Structure formats: structure tokens, C-alpha cells
Amino acid sequence: MTKRSTAHKKPSIALIGLRGCGKSTVGRELADLLGGECIDTDELIVRHAGKSIAAIFKEEEEASFRQRERDAVRQIAADPPAVISVGGGAILDKDNVRTLKQVATLVWLTAPADVLWQRIASDQATAHSRPPMTGRTAPDEVEHLLAERSPCYERAADVVIDTTGGTLRDIARAIVAKLDPSSLE
């Protein structure tokens, strides 16, 4: 479903949404479809820090991570790739949103909380590399964060795509169709 018209062309597409919505996997598929590169802000942070996001949160706390996230967003926006996979909490920072909107159309990838939790639980790499955010049990945390962050995602998003069904290619093609329907004809 399209939230509002995106007739303006921007050099990048930034994927936003909660952990488990598919930003990284859909981002790689979308970049492949477009013949470009996908950069993941979380992967950039890990590479620069030399440690996992969970370790950053444990050793340096969230404020340090959020500063690293702002730096990553600014770095990516300076030379934007075709697709940007944005960490789930980055959109909470208005400066990040403003920076991303200068170079990208923001696409909110959605899924219900139970689907997000199933995806997170089935991906052990994600389950162990990401810090808990609320102190709640994992399924409750996903539901809480989704309720808390959805208004921010909605305000920032130019386009909304449900990732509940379909293959990665189907979802990537749906994004392209919403942004430039003629490109798939």
C-alpha cells in the first residue's frame, strides 16, 4: 500500500522497520534487482566498532550506539548506495530521518508482531547478536516495540510494504512497483 505519492526521484531507497521485518534480506534482494549496492547501517556500525551491537550496548550503553548510528547514517548519505537498510531504532532520531530523506525514499517494511518474533526466533544469528531493548520477554518485547515505534515509522515512511507473504523477490518487486511502476513493464 502506498502511503503518499513518491513522484520525486531520489538516488536511494531506505528500508525502515522493526527487527525481523526483512530490511537486510529484502535490501540485498532489492539491490540485486536494481543492479546496485545495499549498505546496512548496523553492519557498518559493527565493522567500524569491531564488535557486535550487543557488545556495544553492554560495554558502551545505548547512547554510544545511537551516536555511532547517526555517524553511519551521515556517512552513507554522503555517498548513497541504491539501497540502505536502516537499523530499527535509527528512525527515532529526527536528524537521521532528515538526513535519509535528503537522499532516499523511505520504505517501511511491516509485519505483525507474531511474524516478526517468529523470524527473529528462527534466526539464531540475529537472536544472539542483538541486545534486548525493554527488559521484557522476547515476544512481549517485539509487540511493545512495534506499538511504540510504529507511529515514528509511519511519520517517516513514504511507502509502506507488508512483508508477511511472498518471496524476497516478490517484496522487492512490490517496492519497485510502488516507486516506479513503469520500471517493471
C-alpha atoms as a PDB file:
ATOM      1  CA  MET A   1       0.000   0.000   0.000  1.00  0.00           C
ATOM      2  CA  THR A   2       1.319   3.439  -0.840  1.00  0.00           C
ATOM      3  CA  LYS A   3       1.212   5.992   1.918  1.00  0.00           C
ATOM      4  CA  ARG A   4       1.687   9.023  -0.312  1.00  0.00           C
ATOM      5  CA  SER A   5       2.949   9.830  -3.757  1.00  0.00           C
ATOM      6  CA  THR A   6       6.648   9.430  -4.359  1.00  0.00           C
ATOM      7  CA  ALA A   7       6.795  11.013  -7.785  1.00  0.00           C
ATOM      8  CA  HIS A   8      10.037  12.735  -6.830  1.00  0.00           C
ATOM      9  CA  LYS A   9      13.139  10.726  -7.665  1.00  0.00           C
ATOM     10  CA  LYS A  10      15.839  10.227  -5.080  1.00  0.00           C
ATOM     11  CA  PRO A  11      19.067   8.310  -5.552  1.00  0.00           C
ATOM     12  CA  SER A  12      18.363   5.707  -2.860  1.00  0.00           C
ATOM     13  CA  ILE A  13      15.715   3.627  -1.181  1.00  0.00           C
ATOM     14  CA  ALA A  14      15.993   3.357   2.607  1.00  0.00           C
ATOM     15  CA  LEU A  15      14.276   0.401   4.247  1.00  0.00           C
ATOM     16  CA  ILE A  16      12.958   1.083   7.750  1.00  0.00           C
ATOM     17  CA  GLY A  17      11.084  -1.073  10.230  1.00  0.00           C
ATOM     18  CA  LEU A  18      11.399  -3.199  13.310  1.00  0.00           C
ATOM     19  CA  ARG A  19      13.905  -6.016  13.725  1.00  0.00           C
ATOM     20  CA  GLY A  20      12.682  -9.068  11.817  1.00  0.00           C
ATOM     21  CA  CYS A  21      10.751  -7.179   9.125  1.00  0.00           C
ATOM     22  CA  GLY A  22      13.296  -8.119   6.458  1.00  0.00           C
ATOM     23  CA  LYS A  23      15.304  -4.923   5.953  1.00  0.00           C
ATOM     24  CA  SER A  24      18.633  -6.704   5.418  1.00  0.00           C
ATOM     25  CA  THR A  25      17.399  -9.624   3.331  1.00  0.00           C
ATOM     26  CA  VAL A  26      14.922  -7.595   1.282  1.00  0.00           C
ATOM     27  CA  GLY A  27      17.575  -4.883   0.939  1.00  0.00           C
ATOM     28  CA  ARG A  28      20.048  -7.291  -0.657  1.00  0.00           C
ATOM     29  CA  GLU A  29      17.345  -8.649  -2.970  1.00  0.00           C
ATOM     30  CA  LEU A  30      16.204  -5.144  -3.905  1.00  0.00           C
ATOM     31  CA  ALA A  31      19.770  -4.028  -4.633  1.00  0.00           C
ATOM     32  CA  ASP A  32      20.233  -7.114  -6.805  1.00  0.00           C
ATOM     33  CA  LEU A  33      17.007  -6.323  -8.676  1.00  0.00           C
ATOM     34  CA  LEU A  34      18.105  -2.713  -9.202  1.00  0.00           C
ATOM     35  CA  GLY A  35      21.683  -3.624 -10.069  1.00  0.00           C
ATOM     36  CA  GLY A  36      23.119  -1.601  -7.204  1.00  0.00           C
ATOM     37  CA  GLU A  37      24.599  -1.900  -3.769  1.00  0.00           C
ATOM     38  CA  CYS A  38      22.903  -2.323  -0.369  1.00  0.00           C
ATOM     39  CA  ILE A  39      24.533  -0.953   2.746  1.00  0.00           C
ATOM     40  CA  ASP A  40      23.218  -1.942   6.166  1.00  0.00           C
ATOM     41  CA  THR A  41      23.745   0.705   8.868  1.00  0.00           C
ATOM     42  CA  ASP A  42      24.038  -1.951  11.580  1.00  0.00           C
ATOM     43  CA  GLU A  43      26.685  -3.858   9.610  1.00  0.00           C
ATOM     44  CA  LEU A  44      28.611  -0.617   9.077  1.00  0.00           C
ATOM     45  CA  ILE A  45      28.498   0.120  12.815  1.00  0.00           C
ATOM     46  CA  VAL A  46      29.734  -3.387  13.673  1.00  0.00           C
ATOM     47  CA  ARG A  47      32.549  -3.116  11.128  1.00  0.00           C
ATOM     48  CA  HIS A  48      33.696   0.283  12.457  1.00  0.00           C
ATOM     49  CA  ALA A  49      33.351  -0.705  16.136  1.00  0.00           C
ATOM     50  CA  GLY A  50      34.962  -4.113  15.719  1.00  0.00           C
ATOM     51  CA  LYS A  51      32.296  -5.670  17.942  1.00  0.00           C
ATOM     52  CA  SER A  52      28.655  -6.711  17.854  1.00  0.00           C
ATOM     53  CA  ILE A  53      25.766  -4.383  18.531  1.00  0.00           C
ATOM     54  CA  ALA A  54      25.011  -6.387  21.686  1.00  0.00           C
ATOM     55  CA  ALA A  55      28.594  -5.765  22.878  1.00  0.00           C
ATOM     56  CA  ILE A  56      28.299  -2.043  22.123  1.00  0.00           C
ATOM     57  CA  PHE A  57      25.103  -1.839  24.179  1.00  0.00           C
ATOM     58  CA  LYS A  58      26.673  -3.832  27.038  1.00  0.00           C
ATOM     59  CA  GLU A  59      30.041  -2.073  27.112  1.00  0.00           C
ATOM     60  CA  GLU A  60      29.136   1.449  25.992  1.00  0.00           C
ATOM     61  CA  GLU A  61      25.371   1.684  26.525  1.00  0.00           C
ATOM     62  CA  GLU A  62      22.660   2.785  24.130  1.00  0.00           C
ATOM     63  CA  ALA A  63      23.671   6.460  23.843  1.00  0.00           C
ATOM     64  CA  SER A  64      27.039   5.473  22.379  1.00  0.00           C
ATOM     65  CA  PHE A  65      25.361   3.119  19.924  1.00  0.00           C
ATOM     66  CA  ARG A  66      22.906   5.839  18.835  1.00  0.00           C
ATOM     67  CA  GLN A  67      25.824   8.224  18.169  1.00  0.00           C
ATOM     68  CA  ARG A  68      27.517   5.531  16.088  1.00  0.00           C
ATOM     69  CA  GLU A  69      24.208   5.096  14.253  1.00  0.00           C
ATOM     70  CA  ARG A  70      23.973   8.841  13.475  1.00  0.00           C
ATOM     71  CA  ASP A  71      27.544   8.748  12.173  1.00  0.00           C
ATOM     72  CA  ALA A  72      26.738   5.724   9.973  1.00  0.00           C
ATOM     73  CA  VAL A  73      23.632   7.389   8.527  1.00  0.00           C
ATOM     74  CA  ARG A  74      25.601  10.557   7.717  1.00  0.00           C
ATOM     75  CA  GLN A  75      28.411   8.524   6.146  1.00  0.00           C
ATOM     76  CA  ILE A  76      26.012   6.556   3.953  1.00  0.00           C
ATOM     77  CA  ALA A  77      24.073   9.684   2.948  1.00  0.00           C
ATOM     78  CA  ALA A  78      27.291  11.338   1.764  1.00  0.00           C
ATOM     79  CA  ASP A  79      27.625   8.721  -0.996  1.00  0.00           C
ATOM     80  CA  PRO A  80      24.312   6.881  -1.055  1.00  0.00           C
ATOM     81  CA  PRO A  81      24.057   3.354  -2.437  1.00  0.00           C
ATOM     82  CA  ALA A  82      20.980   2.116  -4.284  1.00  0.00           C
ATOM     83  CA  VAL A  83      19.528   0.634  -1.076  1.00  0.00           C
ATOM     84  CA  ILE A  84      20.056   1.456   2.587  1.00  0.00           C
ATOM     85  CA  SER A  85      18.972  -0.994   5.288  1.00  0.00           C
ATOM     86  CA  VAL A  86      18.419   1.173   8.363  1.00  0.00           C
ATOM     87  CA  GLY A  87      18.623  -0.145  11.923  1.00  0.00           C
ATOM     88  CA  GLY A  88      15.242  -0.470  13.618  1.00  0.00           C
ATOM     89  CA  GLY A  89      15.782   2.352  16.118  1.00  0.00           C
ATOM     90  CA  ALA A  90      17.533   4.823  13.814  1.00  0.00           C
ATOM     91  CA  ILE A  91      14.232   6.329  12.784  1.00  0.00           C
ATOM     92  CA  LEU A  92      13.623   7.506  16.358  1.00  0.00           C
ATOM     93  CA  ASP A  93      16.243  10.218  15.770  1.00  0.00           C
ATOM     94  CA  LYS A  94      14.794  13.130  13.778  1.00  0.00           C
ATOM     95  CA  ASP A  95      18.247  14.018  12.436  1.00  0.00           C
ATOM     96  CA  ASN A  96      18.560  10.523  10.953  1.00  0.00           C
ATOM     97  CA  VAL A  97      15.158  10.866   9.308  1.00  0.00           C
ATOM     98  CA  ARG A  98      16.036  14.290   7.912  1.00  0.00           C
ATOM     99  CA  THR A  99      19.392  13.033   6.605  1.00  0.00           C
ATOM    100  CA  LEU A 100      17.858   9.948   4.995  1.00  0.00           C
ATOM    101  CA  LYS A 101      15.019  11.892   3.380  1.00  0.00           C
ATOM    102  CA  GLN A 102      17.565  14.090   1.586  1.00  0.00           C
ATOM    103  CA  VAL A 103      18.877  11.110  -0.389  1.00  0.00           C
ATOM    104  CA  ALA A 104      16.289   8.337  -0.134  1.00  0.00           C
ATOM    105  CA  THR A 105      12.688   7.365  -0.403  1.00  0.00           C
ATOM    106  CA  LEU A 106      11.843   5.721   2.935  1.00  0.00           C
ATOM    107  CA  VAL A 107      10.037   2.384   2.694  1.00  0.00           C
ATOM    108  CA  TRP A 108       8.556   0.958   5.894  1.00  0.00           C
ATOM    109  CA  LEU A 109       8.584  -2.840   5.834  1.00  0.00           C
ATOM    110  CA  THR A 110       5.795  -4.097   8.091  1.00  0.00           C
ATOM    111  CA  ALA A 111       4.679  -7.397   9.566  1.00  0.00           C
ATOM    112  CA  PRO A 112       2.582  -8.318  12.612  1.00  0.00           C
ATOM    113  CA  ALA A 113       4.404  -8.773  15.930  1.00  0.00           C
ATOM    114  CA  ASP A 114       3.944 -12.560  15.937  1.00  0.00           C
ATOM    115  CA  VAL A 115       5.510 -12.843  12.463  1.00  0.00           C
ATOM    116  CA  LEU A 116       8.421 -10.612  13.498  1.00  0.00           C
ATOM    117  CA  TRP A 117       9.005 -12.742  16.592  1.00  0.00           C
ATOM    118  CA  GLN A 118       8.918 -15.991  14.568  1.00  0.00           C
ATOM    119  CA  ARG A 119      11.517 -14.590  12.179  1.00  0.00           C
ATOM    120  CA  ILE A 120      13.779 -13.370  14.983  1.00  0.00           C
ATOM    121  CA  ALA A 121      13.487 -16.639  16.910  1.00  0.00           C
ATOM    122  CA  SER A 122      14.295 -18.720  13.839  1.00  0.00           C
ATOM    123  CA  ASP A 123      17.446 -16.712  13.037  1.00  0.00           C
ATOM    124  CA  GLN A 124      19.946 -17.551  15.762  1.00  0.00           C
ATOM    125  CA  ALA A 125      22.497 -15.044  14.460  1.00  0.00           C
ATOM    126  CA  THR A 126      20.012 -12.199  14.942  1.00  0.00           C
ATOM    127  CA  ALA A 127      18.700 -13.522  18.242  1.00  0.00           C
ATOM    128  CA  HIS A 128      22.206 -13.572  19.755  1.00  0.00           C
ATOM    129  CA  SER A 129      23.748 -10.501  18.132  1.00  0.00           C
ATOM    130  CA  ARG A 130      21.004  -8.022  19.036  1.00  0.00           C
ATOM    131  CA  PRO A 131      20.504  -6.648  22.526  1.00  0.00           C
ATOM    132  CA  PRO A 132      17.190  -6.779  24.379  1.00  0.00           C
ATOM    133  CA  MET A 133      15.650  -3.324  24.308  1.00  0.00           C
ATOM    134  CA  THR A 134      12.989  -3.288  27.018  1.00  0.00           C
ATOM    135  CA  GLY A 135      13.741  -5.957  29.620  1.00  0.00           C
ATOM    136  CA  ARG A 136      10.565  -7.794  28.623  1.00  0.00           C
ATOM    137  CA  THR A 137      10.365 -11.372  27.422  1.00  0.00           C
ATOM    138  CA  ALA A 138      11.204 -11.608  23.730  1.00  0.00           C
ATOM    139  CA  PRO A 139       7.694 -11.973  22.238  1.00  0.00           C
ATOM    140  CA  ASP A 140       6.354  -9.214  24.517  1.00  0.00           C
ATOM    141  CA  GLU A 141       9.319  -7.003  23.655  1.00  0.00           C
ATOM    142  CA  VAL A 142       8.577  -7.248  19.931  1.00  0.00           C
ATOM    143  CA  GLU A 143       4.922  -6.362  20.492  1.00  0.00           C
ATOM    144  CA  HIS A 144       5.851  -3.456  22.795  1.00  0.00           C
ATOM    145  CA  LEU A 145       8.481  -2.041  20.415  1.00  0.00           C
ATOM    146  CA  LEU A 146       6.160  -2.370  17.433  1.00  0.00           C
ATOM    147  CA  ALA A 147       3.428  -0.435  19.248  1.00  0.00           C
ATOM    148  CA  GLU A 148       5.914   2.170  20.470  1.00  0.00           C
ATOM    149  CA  ARG A 149       7.784   2.701  17.192  1.00  0.00           C
ATOM    150  CA  SER A 150       5.011   2.321  14.610  1.00  0.00           C
ATOM    151  CA  PRO A 151       3.997   5.998  14.807  1.00  0.00           C
ATOM    152  CA  CYS A 152       7.617   7.018  14.103  1.00  0.00           C
ATOM    153  CA  TYR A 153       7.883   4.625  11.160  1.00  0.00           C
ATOM    154  CA  GLU A 154       4.559   5.843   9.808  1.00  0.00           C
ATOM    155  CA  ARG A 155       5.568   9.522  10.010  1.00  0.00           C
ATOM    156  CA  ALA A 156       8.888   8.868   8.298  1.00  0.00           C
ATOM    157  CA  ALA A 157       7.681   6.484   5.593  1.00  0.00           C
ATOM    158  CA  ASP A 158       6.986   7.497   2.017  1.00  0.00           C
ATOM    159  CA  VAL A 159       5.789   3.973   1.179  1.00  0.00           C
ATOM    160  CA  VAL A 160       4.560   1.060   3.312  1.00  0.00           C
ATOM    161  CA  ILE A 161       5.062  -2.563   2.232  1.00  0.00           C
ATOM    162  CA  ASP A 162       3.712  -5.598   4.105  1.00  0.00           C
ATOM    163  CA  THR A 163       6.355  -8.342   4.192  1.00  0.00           C
ATOM    164  CA  THR A 164       4.122 -11.044   5.640  1.00  0.00           C
ATOM    165  CA  GLY A 165       3.658 -13.007   2.425  1.00  0.00           C
ATOM    166  CA  GLY A 166       5.582 -13.536  -0.755  1.00  0.00           C
ATOM    167  CA  THR A 167       9.161 -14.271  -1.578  1.00  0.00           C
ATOM    168  CA  LEU A 168      12.017 -11.813  -1.159  1.00  0.00           C
ATOM    169  CA  ARG A 169      11.858 -11.169  -4.909  1.00  0.00           C
ATOM    170  CA  ASP A 170       8.083 -10.517  -4.676  1.00  0.00           C
ATOM    171  CA  ILE A 171       8.633  -7.980  -1.904  1.00  0.00           C
ATOM    172  CA  ALA A 172      11.494  -6.285  -3.767  1.00  0.00           C
ATOM    173  CA  ARG A 173       9.371  -6.096  -6.919  1.00  0.00           C
ATOM    174  CA  ALA A 174       6.466  -4.635  -4.887  1.00  0.00           C
ATOM    175  CA  ILE A 175       8.776  -1.870  -3.651  1.00  0.00           C
ATOM    176  CA  VAL A 176       9.966  -1.070  -7.171  1.00  0.00           C
ATOM    177  CA  ALA A 177       6.379  -1.125  -8.435  1.00  0.00           C
ATOM    178  CA  LYS A 178       5.311   1.410  -5.794  1.00  0.00           C
ATOM    179  CA  LEU A 179       8.205   3.723  -6.574  1.00  0.00           C
ATOM    180  CA  ASP A 180       8.377   3.379 -10.347  1.00  0.00           C
ATOM    181  CA  PRO A 181       5.665   1.129 -11.805  1.00  0.00           C
ATOM    182  CA  SER A 182       6.938   1.630 -15.362  1.00  0.00           C
ATOM    183  CA  SER A 183      10.284   0.027 -14.498  1.00  0.00           C
ATOM    184  CA  LEU A 184       8.676  -3.418 -14.250  1.00  0.00           C
ATOM    185  CA  GLU A 185       6.757  -3.273 -17.537  1.00  0.00           C
END
